[in-house]
Each structure stands twice: as structure tokens, then as C-alpha cells.
Amino acid sequence: MRRKEHSNKLLAPTPSAGKLQELSQQRDTLNTQLQDANQSYQKVRTELASLRDEREKVLDKEPTSLEARIEELHGHQPDQERRLKDSEQYLASDRDIRELMGAKKALYCGCF
């Protein structure tokens, strides 16, 4: 029985030269597409790696710059508190001077 199957295979029609050429062209086209896809994939991987590196640099730099900004603001705080106290003192002194001037004016007006 095996012999018969084997001889049937041998007698089966083989693909024609045109069909072989068509299949070969399809294979070549698919290989070209595969190479293009691989090149695109490599470009995307390279770009992704570059973006990841850039992101890491930004993330590494960002906390440092934020910490520096916090320190800078803490450095300004005592100056602002001092200026606020000075302003409050000047306003109180100004109020006292106005009261004295008003009392003096009242005193002059009462004498004449």
C-alpha cells in the first residue's frame, strides 16, 4: 500500500514554472516587508530608549531643582517676616504721631 501512495505522489502534478515563479516573487516581497518591519521596529526601540533616558534625566533633575526652590523660598521667609514686623512698627509709630499732632492741634485751638 505504501508503494502505491508513493507512486501516486510521484505521478501527482508538480507546480508549473509560472506558479513557482509567482510563489518566489511572493516570498521575496514578504521578505522585503519583513526587513522593513524589522528596521522600523529597531528605530522605534532606539527612539523609546532615547525617550526613557531623557525622562530619567528630567526626573533626576526635577527633585533637585524643586528642593533648591524650597530652600530659596525658606531663605526669603525670614526677610519677609522682618519686613512685616518693621512695617507694623512703622504703622504703629505713624498712628502715635498722628494722635499727638491731633492732640496738639486741639490744644492750640482751645487756647485761642
C-alpha atoms as a PDB file:
ATOM      1  CA  MET A   1       0.000   0.000   0.000  1.00  0.00           C
ATOM      2  CA  ARG A   2       2.862   2.308   0.728  1.00  0.00           C
ATOM      3  CA  ARG A   3       4.279   1.709  -2.651  1.00  0.00           C
ATOM      4  CA  LYS A   4       1.076   2.783  -4.260  1.00  0.00           C
ATOM      5  CA  GLU A   5       0.934   6.047  -2.243  1.00  0.00           C
ATOM      6  CA  HIS A   6       4.495   6.782  -3.156  1.00  0.00           C
ATOM      7  CA  SER A   7       3.889   6.244  -6.823  1.00  0.00           C
ATOM      8  CA  ASN A   8       0.742   8.424  -6.627  1.00  0.00           C
ATOM      9  CA  LYS A   9       2.824  11.219  -5.170  1.00  0.00           C
ATOM     10  CA  LEU A  10       5.330  10.862  -7.930  1.00  0.00           C
ATOM     11  CA  LEU A  11       2.620  10.960 -10.533  1.00  0.00           C
ATOM     12  CA  ALA A  12       0.868  13.970  -8.941  1.00  0.00           C
ATOM     13  CA  PRO A  13       1.139  17.109 -10.982  1.00  0.00           C
ATOM     14  CA  THR A  14       4.021  19.311  -9.925  1.00  0.00           C
ATOM     15  CA  PRO A  15       3.628  23.055  -9.748  1.00  0.00           C
ATOM     16  CA  SER A  16       4.341  24.709 -13.024  1.00  0.00           C
ATOM     17  CA  ALA A  17       7.284  27.026 -13.571  1.00  0.00           C
ATOM     18  CA  GLY A  18       4.915  30.019 -13.592  1.00  0.00           C
ATOM     19  CA  LYS A  19       3.449  29.024 -10.247  1.00  0.00           C
ATOM     20  CA  LEU A  20       6.949  28.572  -8.798  1.00  0.00           C
ATOM     21  CA  GLN A  21       7.982  31.994 -10.076  1.00  0.00           C
ATOM     22  CA  GLU A  22       4.826  33.578  -8.571  1.00  0.00           C
ATOM     23  CA  LEU A  23       5.485  31.915  -5.207  1.00  0.00           C
ATOM     24  CA  SER A  24       9.114  33.020  -5.338  1.00  0.00           C
ATOM     25  CA  GLN A  25       8.072  36.628  -6.006  1.00  0.00           C
ATOM     26  CA  GLN A  26       5.589  36.495  -3.115  1.00  0.00           C
ATOM     27  CA  ARG A  27       8.318  35.156  -0.854  1.00  0.00           C
ATOM     28  CA  ASP A  28      10.690  37.934  -1.922  1.00  0.00           C
ATOM     29  CA  THR A  29       8.009  40.578  -1.359  1.00  0.00           C
ATOM     30  CA  LEU A  30       7.229  39.177   2.080  1.00  0.00           C
ATOM     31  CA  ASN A  31      10.935  39.070   2.960  1.00  0.00           C
ATOM     32  CA  THR A  32      11.298  42.719   1.936  1.00  0.00           C
ATOM     33  CA  GLN A  33       8.262  43.659   4.034  1.00  0.00           C
ATOM     34  CA  LEU A  34       9.695  41.729   6.960  1.00  0.00           C
ATOM     35  CA  GLN A  35      13.027  43.539   6.665  1.00  0.00           C
ATOM     36  CA  ASP A  36      11.247  46.910   6.510  1.00  0.00           C
ATOM     37  CA  ALA A  37       9.187  45.999   9.573  1.00  0.00           C
ATOM     38  CA  ASN A  38      12.332  44.940  11.436  1.00  0.00           C
ATOM     39  CA  GLN A  39      14.064  48.226  10.564  1.00  0.00           C
ATOM     40  CA  SER A  40      11.032  50.217  11.724  1.00  0.00           C
ATOM     41  CA  TYR A  41      10.935  48.177  14.918  1.00  0.00           C
ATOM     42  CA  GLN A  42      14.616  48.880  15.594  1.00  0.00           C
ATOM     43  CA  LYS A  43      14.085  52.621  15.008  1.00  0.00           C
ATOM     44  CA  VAL A  44      11.151  52.644  17.418  1.00  0.00           C
ATOM     45  CA  ARG A  45      13.155  50.754  20.032  1.00  0.00           C
ATOM     46  CA  THR A  46      16.029  53.224  19.691  1.00  0.00           C
ATOM     47  CA  GLU A  47      13.661  56.183  19.998  1.00  0.00           C
ATOM     48  CA  LEU A  48      11.979  54.605  23.022  1.00  0.00           C
ATOM     49  CA  ALA A  49      15.330  54.076  24.727  1.00  0.00           C
ATOM     50  CA  SER A  50      16.276  57.676  23.996  1.00  0.00           C
ATOM     51  CA  LEU A  51      12.993  58.978  25.420  1.00  0.00           C
ATOM     52  CA  ARG A  52      13.397  56.832  28.518  1.00  0.00           C
ATOM     53  CA  ASP A  53      16.903  58.214  29.077  1.00  0.00           C
ATOM     54  CA  GLU A  54      15.638  61.767  28.652  1.00  0.00           C
ATOM     55  CA  ARG A  55      12.778  61.107  31.065  1.00  0.00           C
ATOM     56  CA  GLU A  56      15.172  59.725  33.661  1.00  0.00           C
ATOM     57  CA  LYS A  57      17.384  62.800  33.332  1.00  0.00           C
ATOM     58  CA  VAL A  58      14.382  65.080  33.843  1.00  0.00           C
ATOM     59  CA  LEU A  59      13.152  63.068  36.824  1.00  0.00           C
ATOM     60  CA  ASP A  60      16.610  63.045  38.371  1.00  0.00           C
ATOM     61  CA  LYS A  61      16.993  66.792  37.839  1.00  0.00           C
ATOM     62  CA  GLU A  62      13.480  67.801  38.908  1.00  0.00           C
ATOM     63  CA  PRO A  63      13.625  66.911  42.625  1.00  0.00           C
ATOM     64  CA  THR A  64      16.936  68.731  42.941  1.00  0.00           C
ATOM     65  CA  SER A  65      15.562  71.881  41.353  1.00  0.00           C
ATOM     66  CA  LEU A  66      12.419  71.681  43.491  1.00  0.00           C
ATOM     67  CA  GLU A  67      14.484  71.244  46.641  1.00  0.00           C
ATOM     68  CA  ALA A  68      16.622  74.220  45.645  1.00  0.00           C
ATOM     69  CA  ARG A  69      13.482  76.297  45.087  1.00  0.00           C
ATOM     70  CA  ILE A  70      12.129  75.297  48.518  1.00  0.00           C
ATOM     71  CA  GLU A  71      15.422  76.291  50.145  1.00  0.00           C
ATOM     72  CA  GLU A  72      15.363  79.587  48.289  1.00  0.00           C
ATOM     73  CA  LEU A  73      11.835  80.312  49.490  1.00  0.00           C
ATOM     74  CA  HIS A  74      12.752  79.384  53.070  1.00  0.00           C
ATOM     75  CA  GLY A  75      15.662  81.826  52.801  1.00  0.00           C
ATOM     76  CA  HIS A  76      13.287  84.635  51.796  1.00  0.00           C
ATOM     77  CA  GLN A  77      10.812  83.917  54.569  1.00  0.00           C
ATOM     78  CA  PRO A  78      12.815  85.454  57.476  1.00  0.00           C
ATOM     79  CA  ASP A  79      13.394  88.607  55.387  1.00  0.00           C
ATOM     80  CA  GLN A  80       9.709  88.911  54.677  1.00  0.00           C
ATOM     81  CA  GLU A  81       8.814  88.348  58.331  1.00  0.00           C
ATOM     82  CA  ARG A  82      11.317  91.020  59.382  1.00  0.00           C
ATOM     83  CA  ARG A  83       9.916  93.498  56.833  1.00  0.00           C
ATOM     84  CA  LEU A  84       6.390  92.754  58.001  1.00  0.00           C
ATOM     85  CA  LYS A  85       7.329  93.439  61.629  1.00  0.00           C
ATOM     86  CA  ASP A  86       9.088  96.660  60.581  1.00  0.00           C
ATOM     87  CA  SER A  87       6.028  97.783  58.647  1.00  0.00           C
ATOM     88  CA  GLU A  88       3.763  97.045  61.603  1.00  0.00           C
ATOM     89  CA  GLN A  89       6.081  99.036  63.874  1.00  0.00           C
ATOM     90  CA  TYR A  90       6.151 101.972  61.425  1.00  0.00           C
ATOM     91  CA  LEU A  91       2.365 101.947  61.180  1.00  0.00           C
ATOM     92  CA  ALA A  92       2.041 101.972  64.971  1.00  0.00           C
ATOM     93  CA  SER A  93       4.533 104.853  65.209  1.00  0.00           C
ATOM     94  CA  ASP A  94       2.690 106.728  62.466  1.00  0.00           C
ATOM     95  CA  ARG A  95      -0.572 106.272  64.354  1.00  0.00           C
ATOM     96  CA  ASP A  96       1.029 107.618  67.539  1.00  0.00           C
ATOM     97  CA  ILE A  97       2.416 110.668  65.691  1.00  0.00           C
ATOM     98  CA  ARG A  98      -0.985 111.426  64.165  1.00  0.00           C
ATOM     99  CA  GLU A  99      -2.624 111.177  67.574  1.00  0.00           C
ATOM    100  CA  LEU A 100      -0.046 113.563  69.058  1.00  0.00           C
ATOM    101  CA  MET A 101      -0.463 116.014  66.191  1.00  0.00           C
ATOM    102  CA  GLY A 102      -4.221 115.859  66.592  1.00  0.00           C
ATOM    103  CA  ALA A 103      -3.925 116.488  70.347  1.00  0.00           C
ATOM    104  CA  LYS A 104      -1.546 119.401  69.724  1.00  0.00           C
ATOM    105  CA  LYS A 105      -3.935 120.879  67.189  1.00  0.00           C
ATOM    106  CA  ALA A 106      -6.808 120.533  69.639  1.00  0.00           C
ATOM    107  CA  LEU A 107      -4.728 122.184  72.348  1.00  0.00           C
ATOM    108  CA  TYR A 108      -3.907 125.185  70.109  1.00  0.00           C
ATOM    109  CA  CYS A 109      -7.486 125.552  69.051  1.00  0.00           C
ATOM    110  CA  GLY A 110      -8.649 125.524  72.655  1.00  0.00           C
ATOM    111  CA  CYS A 111      -6.224 128.262  73.787  1.00  0.00           C
ATOM    112  CA  PHE A 112      -7.042 130.908  71.247  1.00  0.00           C
END
